[in-house]
Protein backbone atom coordinates (compact mmCIF):
# COMPACT_ATOMS: atom_id res chain seq x y z
CA UNK A 1 0.15 0.08 -0.08
CA UNK A 2 1.14 3.70 -0.54
CA UNK A 3 1.37 6.17 1.46
CA UNK A 4 -0.61 9.78 0.65
CA UNK A 5 2.56 11.93 -0.73
CA UNK A 6 1.86 15.58 0.46
CA UNK A 7 1.97 18.28 -2.25
CA UNK A 8 4.11 20.38 -0.07
CA UNK A 9 6.68 19.51 2.72
CA UNK A 10 4.97 18.45 5.92
CA UNK A 11 7.06 21.11 7.32
CA UNK A 12 4.45 23.52 6.25
CA UNK A 13 2.19 21.69 9.32
CA UNK A 14 3.29 23.10 12.78
CA UNK A 15 4.76 20.84 15.33
CA UNK A 16 1.31 21.15 17.05
CA UNK A 17 -1.84 22.79 17.59
CA UNK A 18 -4.35 23.15 14.93
CA UNK A 19 -4.73 23.88 11.34
CA UNK A 20 -7.52 25.61 8.93
CA UNK A 21 -8.84 24.09 5.84
CA UNK A 22 -6.22 25.52 2.98
CA UNK A 23 -3.26 24.37 4.87
CA UNK A 24 -4.88 20.76 5.48
CA UNK A 25 -5.36 20.99 1.44
CA UNK A 26 -1.91 22.23 0.67
CA UNK A 27 -0.82 18.82 2.48
CA UNK A 28 -3.24 16.34 1.43
CA UNK A 29 -3.98 16.23 -2.65
CA UNK A 30 -7.50 16.10 -2.73
CA UNK A 31 -9.97 18.46 -3.70
CA UNK A 32 -12.09 20.94 -0.92
CA UNK A 33 -15.31 18.76 -1.67
CA UNK A 34 -13.55 15.45 -1.42
CA UNK A 35 -12.04 16.46 1.65
CA UNK A 36 -15.57 17.42 3.32
CA UNK A 37 -17.09 13.99 1.90
CA UNK A 38 -14.21 12.16 3.35
CA UNK A 39 -15.00 13.97 6.90
CA UNK A 40 -18.67 13.07 6.71
CA UNK A 41 -17.98 9.23 5.89
CA UNK A 42 -14.91 9.18 8.47
CA UNK A 43 -12.47 8.42 6.38
CA UNK A 44 -10.94 11.80 7.33
CA UNK A 45 -10.58 13.17 10.79
CA UNK A 46 -13.50 15.37 12.21
CA UNK A 47 -13.01 18.76 12.51
CA UNK A 48 -12.87 20.98 15.92
CA UNK A 49 -14.97 24.31 15.98
CA UNK A 50 -12.98 26.99 17.21
CA UNK A 51 -15.68 29.31 17.01
CA UNK A 52 -19.09 30.08 15.27
CA UNK A 53 -17.40 30.49 11.99
CA UNK A 54 -13.80 28.88 12.72
CA UNK A 55 -13.27 25.46 11.94
CA UNK A 56 -10.03 23.60 12.13
CA UNK A 57 -7.93 20.17 12.79
CA UNK A 58 -5.77 18.93 14.90
CA UNK A 59 -2.38 18.61 13.35
CA UNK A 60 -1.56 15.42 15.03
CA UNK A 61 -4.73 13.91 13.46
CA UNK A 62 -3.56 15.41 9.85
CA UNK A 63 0.20 13.68 10.41
CA UNK A 64 -1.44 10.57 11.30
CA UNK A 65 -3.50 10.47 7.97
CA UNK A 66 -0.48 11.43 5.81
CA UNK A 67 1.29 8.36 7.77
CA UNK A 68 -1.52 6.05 7.33
CA UNK A 69 -0.58 3.19 4.72
CA UNK A 70 -4.30 2.39 4.02
CA UNK A 71 -5.74 5.99 3.18
CA UNK A 72 -4.31 5.73 -0.33
CA UNK A 73 -5.92 2.46 -0.64
CA UNK A 74 -9.34 3.72 0.28
CA UNK A 75 -9.09 6.95 -1.85
CA UNK A 76 -8.65 4.76 -5.00
CA UNK A 77 -11.56 2.81 -4.35
CA UNK A 78 -13.61 5.68 -3.48
CA UNK A 79 -13.44 4.64 0.13
CA UNK A 80 -14.72 0.95 -0.49
CA UNK A 81 -12.51 -1.77 0.74
């Protein structure tokens, strides 16, 4: 199985904390609508609401997704195993 290769270096991710959607999409090679479908289906990490109009993801969840060997296989099969 393949690992997801980030579009940009994972160095763009902070060591810890939260990142907003543009940073996530800069590191995960999917479009915005595919990302939200994956979040809804459970394939991608759930967001954290930091305010009424602020959604972010834990950096450790995004790093785990990038390192996950089965994510690429799920993407290739449309989430089907």
